[in-house]
N, C-alpha and C. Protein backbone atom coordinates (compact mmCIF):
# COMPACT_ATOMS: atom_id res chain seq x y z
N MET A 1 -11.84 6.13 14.46
CA MET A 1 -10.70 6.24 13.57
C MET A 1 -11.13 6.38 12.11
N SER A 2 -12.39 6.08 11.81
CA SER A 2 -12.83 6.14 10.42
C SER A 2 -12.82 7.56 9.86
N ARG A 3 -12.72 8.57 10.72
CA ARG A 3 -12.71 9.96 10.27
C ARG A 3 -11.31 10.44 9.88
N LEU A 4 -10.31 9.55 9.94
CA LEU A 4 -8.97 9.88 9.48
C LEU A 4 -8.82 9.36 8.05
N PRO A 5 -8.63 10.23 7.06
CA PRO A 5 -8.50 9.75 5.68
C PRO A 5 -7.18 9.01 5.46
N VAL A 6 -7.26 7.90 4.75
CA VAL A 6 -6.06 7.11 4.44
C VAL A 6 -6.09 6.68 2.98
N GLY A 7 -4.92 6.64 2.37
CA GLY A 7 -4.80 6.14 1.01
C GLY A 7 -4.98 4.62 0.99
N VAL A 8 -5.44 4.11 -0.12
CA VAL A 8 -5.67 2.67 -0.27
C VAL A 8 -4.62 2.10 -1.20
N ALA A 9 -3.99 1.01 -0.75
CA ALA A 9 -2.94 0.37 -1.54
C ALA A 9 -3.07 -1.14 -1.42
N VAL A 10 -2.38 -1.84 -2.30
CA VAL A 10 -2.32 -3.29 -2.26
C VAL A 10 -0.85 -3.69 -2.08
N VAL A 11 -0.59 -4.48 -1.04
CA VAL A 11 0.74 -5.06 -0.84
C VAL A 11 0.69 -6.45 -1.43
N SER A 12 1.70 -6.81 -2.23
CA SER A 12 1.67 -8.11 -2.90
C SER A 12 3.06 -8.70 -3.02
N GLY A 13 3.08 -10.01 -3.18
CA GLY A 13 4.32 -10.73 -3.38
C GLY A 13 4.03 -12.05 -4.08
N LEU A 14 5.08 -12.72 -4.51
CA LEU A 14 4.94 -14.04 -5.11
C LEU A 14 5.30 -15.09 -4.06
N VAL A 15 4.40 -16.01 -3.84
CA VAL A 15 4.60 -17.10 -2.89
C VAL A 15 4.44 -18.40 -3.65
N GLY A 16 5.53 -19.13 -3.82
CA GLY A 16 5.47 -20.36 -4.60
C GLY A 16 5.05 -20.10 -6.04
N GLY A 17 5.45 -18.94 -6.59
CA GLY A 17 5.11 -18.58 -7.96
C GLY A 17 3.70 -18.04 -8.13
N ARG A 18 2.95 -17.95 -7.05
CA ARG A 18 1.55 -17.49 -7.08
C ARG A 18 1.46 -16.08 -6.50
N PRO A 19 0.75 -15.15 -7.19
CA PRO A 19 0.61 -13.81 -6.63
C PRO A 19 -0.33 -13.82 -5.43
N ILE A 20 0.11 -13.17 -4.37
CA ILE A 20 -0.66 -13.03 -3.14
C ILE A 20 -0.71 -11.54 -2.83
N GLY A 21 -1.87 -11.03 -2.45
CA GLY A 21 -1.96 -9.62 -2.13
C GLY A 21 -3.07 -9.32 -1.15
N MET A 22 -2.98 -8.13 -0.55
CA MET A 22 -4.00 -7.68 0.40
C MET A 22 -4.10 -6.16 0.38
N LEU A 23 -5.29 -5.69 0.71
CA LEU A 23 -5.52 -4.25 0.85
C LEU A 23 -4.88 -3.75 2.13
N VAL A 24 -4.30 -2.58 2.06
CA VAL A 24 -3.85 -1.88 3.26
C VAL A 24 -4.34 -0.44 3.16
N GLY A 25 -4.74 0.10 4.28
CA GLY A 25 -5.28 1.45 4.27
C GLY A 25 -4.59 2.38 5.23
N THR A 26 -3.51 1.94 5.83
CA THR A 26 -2.82 2.80 6.77
C THR A 26 -1.34 2.84 6.42
N LEU A 27 -1.04 3.34 5.25
CA LEU A 27 0.34 3.48 4.81
C LEU A 27 0.87 4.82 5.33
N MET A 28 2.08 4.78 5.89
CA MET A 28 2.64 6.03 6.40
C MET A 28 4.15 6.08 6.21
N PRO A 29 4.67 7.25 5.86
CA PRO A 29 6.12 7.40 5.82
C PRO A 29 6.65 7.43 7.25
N VAL A 30 7.79 6.80 7.46
CA VAL A 30 8.40 6.76 8.79
C VAL A 30 9.72 7.51 8.80
N SER A 31 10.55 7.31 7.77
CA SER A 31 11.88 7.93 7.73
C SER A 31 12.25 8.20 6.27
N ALA A 32 12.91 9.34 6.05
CA ALA A 32 13.40 9.66 4.71
C ALA A 32 14.81 9.12 4.49
N ALA A 33 15.59 9.03 5.56
CA ALA A 33 16.97 8.56 5.44
C ALA A 33 17.30 7.67 6.63
N PRO A 34 17.30 6.39 6.45
CA PRO A 34 16.98 5.65 5.23
C PRO A 34 15.48 5.64 4.99
N PRO A 35 15.05 5.43 3.74
CA PRO A 35 13.61 5.44 3.46
C PRO A 35 12.91 4.22 4.08
N ILE A 36 11.98 4.52 4.98
CA ILE A 36 11.20 3.49 5.66
C ILE A 36 9.74 3.91 5.65
N VAL A 37 8.86 2.96 5.37
CA VAL A 37 7.42 3.17 5.47
C VAL A 37 6.84 2.11 6.40
N ALA A 38 5.61 2.32 6.82
CA ALA A 38 4.90 1.34 7.62
C ALA A 38 3.48 1.23 7.09
N TYR A 39 2.91 0.05 7.24
CA TYR A 39 1.50 -0.14 6.94
C TYR A 39 0.91 -1.08 7.99
N CYS A 40 -0.39 -1.04 8.12
CA CYS A 40 -1.08 -1.92 9.06
C CYS A 40 -1.76 -3.03 8.28
N ALA A 41 -1.62 -4.25 8.78
CA ALA A 41 -2.19 -5.43 8.13
C ALA A 41 -3.13 -6.14 9.09
N ASP A 42 -4.12 -6.79 8.54
CA ASP A 42 -5.08 -7.57 9.31
C ASP A 42 -4.47 -8.95 9.57
N PRO A 43 -4.20 -9.30 10.82
CA PRO A 43 -3.58 -10.60 11.09
C PRO A 43 -4.49 -11.78 10.74
N GLU A 44 -5.79 -11.53 10.58
CA GLU A 44 -6.73 -12.59 10.22
C GLU A 44 -6.72 -12.88 8.72
N ASP A 45 -6.17 -11.97 7.92
CA ASP A 45 -6.09 -12.18 6.48
C ASP A 45 -4.94 -13.15 6.22
N PRO A 46 -5.18 -14.29 5.55
CA PRO A 46 -4.09 -15.24 5.31
C PRO A 46 -2.93 -14.64 4.53
N ALA A 47 -3.18 -13.58 3.77
CA ALA A 47 -2.10 -12.94 3.01
C ALA A 47 -1.05 -12.32 3.94
N THR A 48 -1.46 -11.88 5.12
CA THR A 48 -0.51 -11.28 6.06
C THR A 48 0.61 -12.26 6.39
N ARG A 49 0.24 -13.47 6.72
CA ARG A 49 1.24 -14.50 7.04
C ARG A 49 2.04 -14.90 5.81
N LEU A 50 1.37 -15.10 4.67
CA LEU A 50 2.07 -15.52 3.46
C LEU A 50 3.07 -14.47 2.99
N LEU A 51 2.69 -13.20 3.04
CA LEU A 51 3.59 -12.14 2.58
C LEU A 51 4.80 -11.97 3.50
N SER A 52 4.68 -12.40 4.74
CA SER A 52 5.83 -12.30 5.65
C SER A 52 6.96 -13.22 5.23
N THR A 53 6.69 -14.17 4.33
CA THR A 53 7.73 -15.08 3.85
C THR A 53 8.47 -14.54 2.63
N CYS A 54 8.02 -13.42 2.08
CA CYS A 54 8.62 -12.85 0.87
C CYS A 54 9.81 -11.95 1.22
N ALA A 55 10.90 -12.09 0.48
CA ALA A 55 12.05 -11.21 0.68
C ALA A 55 11.71 -9.79 0.26
N THR A 56 10.94 -9.65 -0.82
CA THR A 56 10.53 -8.35 -1.33
C THR A 56 9.05 -8.39 -1.66
N THR A 57 8.36 -7.31 -1.34
CA THR A 57 6.96 -7.15 -1.71
C THR A 57 6.81 -5.84 -2.45
N SER A 58 5.70 -5.69 -3.15
CA SER A 58 5.42 -4.40 -3.79
C SER A 58 4.20 -3.80 -3.13
N LEU A 59 4.14 -2.49 -3.14
CA LEU A 59 2.98 -1.76 -2.65
C LEU A 59 2.50 -0.90 -3.81
N SER A 60 1.30 -1.20 -4.30
CA SER A 60 0.70 -0.47 -5.41
C SER A 60 -0.35 0.49 -4.86
N VAL A 61 -0.12 1.80 -4.98
CA VAL A 61 -1.09 2.80 -4.54
C VAL A 61 -2.18 2.88 -5.61
N LEU A 62 -3.43 2.71 -5.17
CA LEU A 62 -4.55 2.67 -6.12
C LEU A 62 -5.02 4.07 -6.51
N PRO A 63 -5.39 4.25 -7.78
CA PRO A 63 -5.93 5.52 -8.23
C PRO A 63 -7.41 5.63 -7.86
N HIS A 64 -7.93 6.84 -7.88
CA HIS A 64 -9.31 7.11 -7.48
C HIS A 64 -10.35 6.32 -8.27
N PHE A 65 -10.02 5.89 -9.48
CA PHE A 65 -11.00 5.19 -10.31
C PHE A 65 -10.94 3.67 -10.16
N ALA A 66 -10.14 3.16 -9.23
CA ALA A 66 -9.92 1.71 -9.11
C ALA A 66 -10.83 1.05 -8.08
N LEU A 67 -12.08 1.46 -8.04
CA LEU A 67 -13.02 0.89 -7.09
C LEU A 67 -13.21 -0.62 -7.32
N GLY A 68 -13.19 -1.05 -8.57
CA GLY A 68 -13.31 -2.48 -8.87
C GLY A 68 -12.15 -3.28 -8.29
N THR A 69 -10.95 -2.72 -8.37
CA THR A 69 -9.78 -3.39 -7.79
C THR A 69 -9.91 -3.44 -6.28
N TYR A 70 -10.35 -2.37 -5.68
CA TYR A 70 -10.58 -2.32 -4.23
C TYR A 70 -11.55 -3.44 -3.83
N ARG A 71 -12.64 -3.55 -4.54
CA ARG A 71 -13.63 -4.59 -4.22
C ARG A 71 -13.05 -5.99 -4.41
N ARG A 72 -12.29 -6.19 -5.47
CA ARG A 72 -11.72 -7.51 -5.75
C ARG A 72 -10.75 -7.95 -4.65
N PHE A 73 -9.96 -7.02 -4.13
CA PHE A 73 -9.01 -7.36 -3.08
C PHE A 73 -9.67 -7.49 -1.71
N SER A 74 -10.98 -7.27 -1.66
CA SER A 74 -11.76 -7.55 -0.45
C SER A 74 -12.31 -8.98 -0.48
N LEU A 75 -12.13 -9.67 -1.60
CA LEU A 75 -12.61 -11.04 -1.77
C LEU A 75 -11.66 -12.03 -1.11
N PRO A 76 -12.04 -13.32 -1.07
CA PRO A 76 -11.11 -14.34 -0.56
C PRO A 76 -9.79 -14.33 -1.34
N ILE A 77 -8.74 -14.76 -0.68
CA ILE A 77 -7.37 -14.64 -1.19
C ILE A 77 -7.18 -15.21 -2.60
N ASP A 78 -7.85 -16.30 -2.93
CA ASP A 78 -7.65 -16.93 -4.25
C ASP A 78 -8.31 -16.17 -5.39
N ASP A 79 -9.17 -15.20 -5.09
CA ASP A 79 -9.89 -14.45 -6.12
C ASP A 79 -9.29 -13.07 -6.40
N ARG A 80 -8.32 -12.66 -5.65
CA ARG A 80 -7.84 -11.27 -5.72
C ARG A 80 -7.08 -10.92 -6.99
N PHE A 81 -6.36 -11.87 -7.57
CA PHE A 81 -5.59 -11.58 -8.79
C PHE A 81 -6.27 -12.14 -10.05
N ARG A 82 -7.52 -12.51 -9.95
CA ARG A 82 -8.24 -13.10 -11.09
C ARG A 82 -8.48 -12.13 -12.24
N GLY A 83 -8.37 -10.84 -11.99
CA GLY A 83 -8.62 -9.85 -13.04
C GLY A 83 -7.54 -9.82 -14.10
N GLY A 84 -6.36 -10.36 -13.80
CA GLY A 84 -5.27 -10.38 -14.77
C GLY A 84 -4.65 -9.03 -15.06
N ASP A 85 -4.98 -8.02 -14.25
CA ASP A 85 -4.50 -6.66 -14.51
C ASP A 85 -3.26 -6.34 -13.68
N TRP A 86 -2.27 -7.22 -13.77
CA TRP A 86 -1.02 -7.04 -13.04
C TRP A 86 0.12 -7.59 -13.88
N HIS A 87 1.32 -7.22 -13.50
CA HIS A 87 2.52 -7.75 -14.16
C HIS A 87 3.60 -7.96 -13.10
N GLU A 88 4.59 -8.76 -13.45
CA GLU A 88 5.69 -8.99 -12.53
C GLU A 88 6.75 -7.91 -12.74
N SER A 89 7.15 -7.28 -11.66
CA SER A 89 8.15 -6.21 -11.74
C SER A 89 9.54 -6.80 -11.92
N SER A 90 10.50 -5.93 -12.18
CA SER A 90 11.90 -6.38 -12.30
C SER A 90 12.42 -6.89 -10.95
N TRP A 91 11.72 -6.59 -9.87
CA TRP A 91 12.06 -7.08 -8.54
C TRP A 91 11.45 -8.45 -8.27
N GLY A 92 10.64 -8.94 -9.21
CA GLY A 92 9.99 -10.24 -9.03
C GLY A 92 8.75 -10.18 -8.17
N THR A 93 8.11 -9.02 -8.12
CA THR A 93 6.89 -8.85 -7.32
C THR A 93 5.71 -8.51 -8.22
N PRO A 94 4.50 -8.91 -7.84
CA PRO A 94 3.33 -8.52 -8.62
C PRO A 94 3.01 -7.04 -8.41
N VAL A 95 2.77 -6.32 -9.50
CA VAL A 95 2.43 -4.91 -9.46
C VAL A 95 1.12 -4.73 -10.21
N LEU A 96 0.19 -4.00 -9.63
CA LEU A 96 -1.08 -3.74 -10.31
C LEU A 96 -0.87 -2.73 -11.43
N ASP A 97 -1.43 -3.04 -12.60
CA ASP A 97 -1.26 -2.17 -13.77
C ASP A 97 -1.81 -0.76 -13.54
N ALA A 98 -2.84 -0.63 -12.72
CA ALA A 98 -3.47 0.67 -12.49
C ALA A 98 -2.75 1.52 -11.46
N ALA A 99 -1.72 1.01 -10.81
CA ALA A 99 -1.05 1.72 -9.72
C ALA A 99 -0.57 3.10 -10.15
N ILE A 100 -0.73 4.07 -9.26
CA ILE A 100 -0.22 5.42 -9.56
C ILE A 100 1.19 5.59 -9.00
N THR A 101 1.53 4.81 -7.98
CA THR A 101 2.87 4.77 -7.42
C THR A 101 3.13 3.34 -6.95
N VAL A 102 4.36 2.88 -7.14
CA VAL A 102 4.73 1.53 -6.69
C VAL A 102 5.98 1.63 -5.84
N LEU A 103 5.93 1.01 -4.67
CA LEU A 103 7.10 0.91 -3.80
C LEU A 103 7.53 -0.55 -3.75
N GLN A 104 8.81 -0.79 -3.82
CA GLN A 104 9.35 -2.13 -3.60
C GLN A 104 9.88 -2.15 -2.16
N LEU A 105 9.43 -3.10 -1.38
CA LEU A 105 9.67 -3.10 0.06
C LEU A 105 10.33 -4.39 0.54
N SER A 106 11.07 -4.27 1.64
CA SER A 106 11.52 -5.45 2.37
C SER A 106 11.20 -5.22 3.84
N ASP A 107 10.61 -6.23 4.46
CA ASP A 107 10.20 -6.12 5.86
C ASP A 107 11.40 -5.90 6.77
N LEU A 108 11.24 -5.00 7.72
CA LEU A 108 12.23 -4.78 8.77
C LEU A 108 11.75 -5.36 10.09
N GLN A 109 10.46 -5.11 10.38
CA GLN A 109 9.92 -5.54 11.66
C GLN A 109 8.41 -5.61 11.57
N ARG A 110 7.82 -6.55 12.31
CA ARG A 110 6.37 -6.66 12.44
C ARG A 110 6.03 -6.57 13.92
N VAL A 111 5.08 -5.69 14.25
CA VAL A 111 4.72 -5.44 15.64
C VAL A 111 3.20 -5.61 15.79
N ALA A 112 2.78 -6.48 16.72
CA ALA A 112 1.36 -6.61 17.02
C ALA A 112 0.89 -5.32 17.68
N ALA A 113 -0.22 -4.78 17.19
CA ALA A 113 -0.76 -3.52 17.73
C ALA A 113 -2.28 -3.59 17.71
N GLY A 114 -2.87 -3.94 18.83
CA GLY A 114 -4.32 -4.05 18.89
C GLY A 114 -4.82 -5.14 17.95
N ASP A 115 -5.76 -4.77 17.08
CA ASP A 115 -6.33 -5.76 16.16
C ASP A 115 -5.61 -5.78 14.80
N HIS A 116 -4.43 -5.18 14.73
CA HIS A 116 -3.64 -5.18 13.49
C HIS A 116 -2.17 -5.52 13.77
N VAL A 117 -1.43 -5.68 12.70
CA VAL A 117 0.01 -5.84 12.76
C VAL A 117 0.62 -4.65 12.02
N VAL A 118 1.53 -3.94 12.66
CA VAL A 118 2.23 -2.84 12.00
C VAL A 118 3.48 -3.44 11.35
N VAL A 119 3.62 -3.21 10.05
CA VAL A 119 4.76 -3.75 9.30
C VAL A 119 5.66 -2.58 8.89
N LEU A 120 6.87 -2.55 9.44
CA LEU A 120 7.87 -1.54 9.06
C LEU A 120 8.69 -2.11 7.91
N CYS A 121 8.87 -1.31 6.86
CA CYS A 121 9.55 -1.80 5.66
C CYS A 121 10.59 -0.81 5.16
N ALA A 122 11.72 -1.34 4.71
CA ALA A 122 12.70 -0.54 4.00
C ALA A 122 12.22 -0.38 2.56
N VAL A 123 12.30 0.83 2.05
CA VAL A 123 11.90 1.10 0.66
C VAL A 123 13.11 0.87 -0.23
N GLN A 124 13.02 -0.10 -1.12
CA GLN A 124 14.11 -0.44 -2.02
C GLN A 124 14.06 0.35 -3.32
N ASP A 125 12.83 0.71 -3.74
CA ASP A 125 12.66 1.40 -5.02
C ASP A 125 11.29 2.07 -5.03
N VAL A 126 11.19 3.18 -5.74
CA VAL A 126 9.92 3.90 -5.90
C VAL A 126 9.74 4.19 -7.39
N THR A 127 8.55 3.89 -7.91
CA THR A 127 8.20 4.23 -9.28
C THR A 127 6.93 5.05 -9.27
N ILE A 128 7.00 6.26 -9.82
CA ILE A 128 5.81 7.10 -9.96
C ILE A 128 5.23 6.79 -11.34
N CYS A 129 4.07 6.16 -11.37
CA CYS A 129 3.49 5.70 -12.64
C CYS A 129 2.53 6.71 -13.25
N ALA A 130 1.80 7.42 -12.43
CA ALA A 130 0.79 8.37 -12.92
C ALA A 130 0.76 9.58 -11.98
N PRO A 131 1.69 10.52 -12.17
CA PRO A 131 1.85 11.62 -11.22
C PRO A 131 0.67 12.57 -11.12
N THR A 132 -0.23 12.57 -12.10
CA THR A 132 -1.35 13.50 -12.04
C THR A 132 -2.64 12.87 -11.54
N GLU A 133 -2.65 11.57 -11.32
CA GLU A 133 -3.86 10.90 -10.84
C GLU A 133 -4.00 11.05 -9.33
N ALA A 134 -5.22 11.21 -8.87
CA ALA A 134 -5.51 11.28 -7.44
C ALA A 134 -5.64 9.87 -6.88
N PRO A 135 -5.24 9.67 -5.63
CA PRO A 135 -5.33 8.33 -5.04
C PRO A 135 -6.74 8.00 -4.57
N LEU A 136 -7.02 6.72 -4.49
CA LEU A 136 -8.24 6.24 -3.86
C LEU A 136 -8.04 6.40 -2.36
N THR A 137 -9.03 6.95 -1.68
CA THR A 137 -8.91 7.25 -0.26
C THR A 137 -10.07 6.64 0.49
N LEU A 138 -9.80 6.15 1.67
CA LEU A 138 -10.83 5.62 2.55
C LEU A 138 -11.07 6.66 3.63
N PHE A 139 -12.35 7.08 3.76
CA PHE A 139 -12.71 8.10 4.75
C PHE A 139 -14.13 7.84 5.22
N ASP A 140 -14.30 7.74 6.51
CA ASP A 140 -15.62 7.56 7.11
C ASP A 140 -16.31 6.30 6.58
N GLY A 141 -15.51 5.25 6.37
CA GLY A 141 -16.07 3.97 5.91
C GLY A 141 -16.41 3.93 4.44
N ARG A 142 -16.01 4.95 3.68
CA ARG A 142 -16.30 5.02 2.25
C ARG A 142 -15.01 5.28 1.48
N VAL A 143 -14.97 4.74 0.25
CA VAL A 143 -13.85 5.09 -0.62
C VAL A 143 -14.21 6.36 -1.35
N THR A 144 -13.22 7.22 -1.52
CA THR A 144 -13.45 8.52 -2.13
C THR A 144 -12.19 8.98 -2.84
N ARG A 145 -12.26 10.13 -3.46
CA ARG A 145 -11.13 10.70 -4.17
C ARG A 145 -10.56 11.85 -3.35
N LEU A 146 -9.26 11.85 -3.18
CA LEU A 146 -8.59 12.94 -2.51
C LEU A 146 -8.24 13.98 -3.57
N GLU A 147 -8.76 15.16 -3.43
CA GLU A 147 -8.51 16.22 -4.40
C GLU A 147 -7.14 16.83 -4.18
N ALA A 148 -6.48 17.19 -5.27
CA ALA A 148 -5.18 17.85 -5.19
C ALA A 148 -5.37 19.22 -4.56
N GLY A 149 -4.44 19.60 -3.74
CA GLY A 149 -4.52 20.89 -3.08
C GLY A 149 -3.28 21.72 -3.36
N GLU A 150 -3.07 22.68 -2.54
CA GLU A 150 -1.93 23.58 -2.68
C GLU A 150 -0.71 22.97 -2.01
N LEU A 151 0.45 23.10 -2.61
CA LEU A 151 1.69 22.63 -2.01
C LEU A 151 2.06 23.49 -0.82
N ALA A 152 2.67 22.87 0.16
CA ALA A 152 3.21 23.63 1.27
C ALA A 152 4.30 24.56 0.73
N PRO A 153 4.58 25.66 1.41
CA PRO A 153 5.56 26.63 0.89
C PRO A 153 6.89 26.02 0.48
N SER A 154 7.38 25.02 1.19
CA SER A 154 8.67 24.43 0.84
C SER A 154 8.54 23.37 -0.25
N GLY A 155 7.29 23.04 -0.62
CA GLY A 155 7.08 21.96 -1.58
C GLY A 155 6.98 20.62 -0.91
N ARG A 156 7.32 20.58 0.37
CA ARG A 156 7.23 19.36 1.18
C ARG A 156 6.62 19.71 2.53
N TRP A 157 5.77 18.85 2.99
CA TRP A 157 5.19 19.05 4.31
C TRP A 157 6.16 18.54 5.35
N ARG A 158 6.39 19.32 6.37
CA ARG A 158 7.24 18.88 7.47
C ARG A 158 6.47 19.16 8.77
N PRO A 159 6.36 18.15 9.61
CA PRO A 159 5.67 18.38 10.88
C PRO A 159 6.46 19.32 11.76
N HIS A 160 5.77 20.09 12.55
CA HIS A 160 6.42 20.99 13.49
C HIS A 160 5.99 20.58 14.88
N PHE A 161 6.93 20.30 15.74
CA PHE A 161 6.65 19.90 17.09
C PHE A 161 7.25 20.93 18.03
N GLY A 162 6.57 21.19 19.11
CA GLY A 162 7.09 22.11 20.12
C GLY A 162 6.63 23.53 19.89
N GLY A 163 7.18 24.45 20.68
CA GLY A 163 6.72 25.83 20.66
C GLY A 163 7.54 26.77 19.91
C-alpha cells in the first residue's frame, strides 16, 4: 500500500482545554452532497480515543515544506503541540498555522478496518489558506511534494465506472 500516494494532515481537537492531535495519511472525499470525508486513524495512538470525545475536530492539510511539523506529530502525544505554531479556530478547534486547507469536522461513524479505524466525518466548514502551495505527500514510505498538474477538462475529476 505504500505505493499509493496520500496527502498528510493533522486531525486535532481540544480535550479538557488541551490541544490533542494526530497525523493522518489516508484522507478521502466520500460525498459532495452532503459533504463527507473519511480518514484512517491508528487505534493504538491515544489521540484516536481522545478525539472521539470531541464534538468538532479540525483537519489541517500540511504544506510540502512542513516536514518539521510532520516529525513533531510523530512524537508522543504530549509533545505534538509544543511548537506553539497553532491557533484556536472560531469553531473552538486547534488549527496549525502552516495549514494550506482546514476542514472543520464532526464524526458520523467509526469503523474498525484491519489495523486502522476509518472515521467518517461531516464537513462543517472549509477554509483554503494557501491555494498555491503543494501538499506534503506520503509515498513509498517517504514524505514528498506533490507537483501541480493539469486540471481535468471539467475542472473537477469525476470517476467513471462501467463501460
